[in-house]
Amino acid sequence: MAMTCRGKVAGGVVVLEKPDLLPEGTVVRVEPVTEPNEAEKKALLSLSGKLLRLAGTAKGLPPDMARNHDHYIHGTPKK
């Protein structure tokens, strides 16, 4: 069962935000989470804004393109 729990180190011990999610004795793997810096956040917002401006601009597509894109691109059966 894959599950992600967040927490912080306090006094050399990982303290989970929701400690009741894992039963006592559960073996876990701890990996530090790195938050994006301001430049990375700005770049992500910039990219998402650019992509959002393209939303809905494609012309001449079949009305069921979103549902059946694999059919139109790869020839799989329609859904």
Protein backbone atom coordinates (compact mmCIF):
# COMPACT_ATOMS: atom_id res chain seq x y z
CA MET A 1 0.00 0.00 0.00
CA ALA A 2 1.59 3.29 -1.11
CA MET A 3 0.79 6.29 1.05
CA THR A 4 2.36 9.67 1.55
CA CYS A 5 2.41 11.37 4.93
CA ARG A 6 3.87 14.80 5.58
CA GLY A 7 5.76 15.84 8.68
CA LYS A 8 8.66 17.85 10.04
CA VAL A 9 11.79 17.04 11.98
CA ALA A 10 11.62 18.25 15.58
CA GLY A 11 14.47 17.46 17.94
CA GLY A 12 15.82 14.82 15.59
CA VAL A 13 12.48 13.00 15.35
CA VAL A 14 10.04 13.08 12.41
CA VAL A 15 6.69 14.33 13.66
CA LEU A 16 3.85 13.50 11.27
CA GLU A 17 1.06 15.98 10.58
CA LYS A 18 -1.47 13.15 11.02
CA PRO A 19 0.23 10.59 13.26
CA ASP A 20 -2.83 8.33 13.44
CA LEU A 21 -2.52 7.41 9.72
CA LEU A 22 0.26 4.89 10.37
CA PRO A 23 0.03 2.15 12.96
CA GLU A 24 2.79 1.87 15.58
CA GLY A 25 5.78 -0.06 14.23
CA THR A 26 5.18 0.77 10.56
CA VAL A 27 8.44 0.80 8.60
CA VAL A 28 8.76 4.04 6.63
CA ARG A 29 11.16 5.71 4.22
CA VAL A 30 11.89 9.39 4.83
CA GLU A 31 12.83 11.72 1.98
CA PRO A 32 13.28 15.48 2.39
CA VAL A 33 10.86 17.62 0.41
CA THR A 34 12.37 20.56 -1.41
CA GLU A 35 10.09 23.48 -2.09
CA PRO A 36 10.58 25.44 -5.33
CA ASN A 37 12.40 28.75 -4.93
CA GLU A 38 10.85 32.04 -6.10
CA ALA A 39 12.43 31.86 -9.58
CA GLU A 40 11.13 28.31 -10.06
CA LYS A 41 7.64 29.32 -8.88
CA LYS A 42 7.63 32.27 -11.28
CA ALA A 43 8.76 30.04 -14.18
CA LEU A 44 6.02 27.50 -13.42
CA LEU A 45 3.37 30.20 -13.25
CA SER A 46 4.67 31.71 -16.45
CA LEU A 47 4.54 28.35 -18.25
CA SER A 48 1.07 27.53 -16.96
CA GLY A 49 -0.16 30.94 -18.07
CA LYS A 50 1.26 30.44 -21.55
CA LEU A 51 -0.34 27.01 -21.83
CA LEU A 52 -3.67 28.30 -20.53
CA ARG A 53 -3.76 30.91 -23.31
CA LEU A 54 -3.69 28.01 -25.81
CA ALA A 55 -6.67 26.25 -24.24
CA GLY A 56 -9.59 25.97 -26.67
CA THR A 57 -7.70 27.38 -29.66
CA ALA A 58 -7.41 24.19 -31.75
CA LYS A 59 -9.75 24.29 -34.76
CA GLY A 60 -11.27 21.51 -36.85
CA LEU A 61 -11.00 18.72 -34.28
CA PRO A 62 -13.70 16.05 -33.94
CA PRO A 63 -16.18 16.80 -31.13
CA ASP A 64 -15.12 13.62 -29.28
CA MET A 65 -11.37 14.28 -29.59
CA ALA A 66 -10.78 14.48 -25.82
CA ARG A 67 -12.52 11.16 -25.21
CA ASN A 68 -11.08 9.34 -28.23
CA HIS A 69 -7.67 10.91 -28.77
CA ASP A 70 -5.98 7.48 -28.79
CA HIS A 71 -8.30 6.45 -31.62
CA TYR A 72 -7.46 9.50 -33.72
CA ILE A 73 -3.73 9.44 -32.96
CA HIS A 74 -2.96 5.71 -32.70
CA GLY A 75 -5.95 3.96 -34.29
CA THR A 76 -7.21 2.24 -31.13
CA PRO A 77 -10.97 1.46 -30.97
CA LYS A 78 -13.24 4.38 -30.03
CA LYS A 79 -14.66 4.53 -26.52
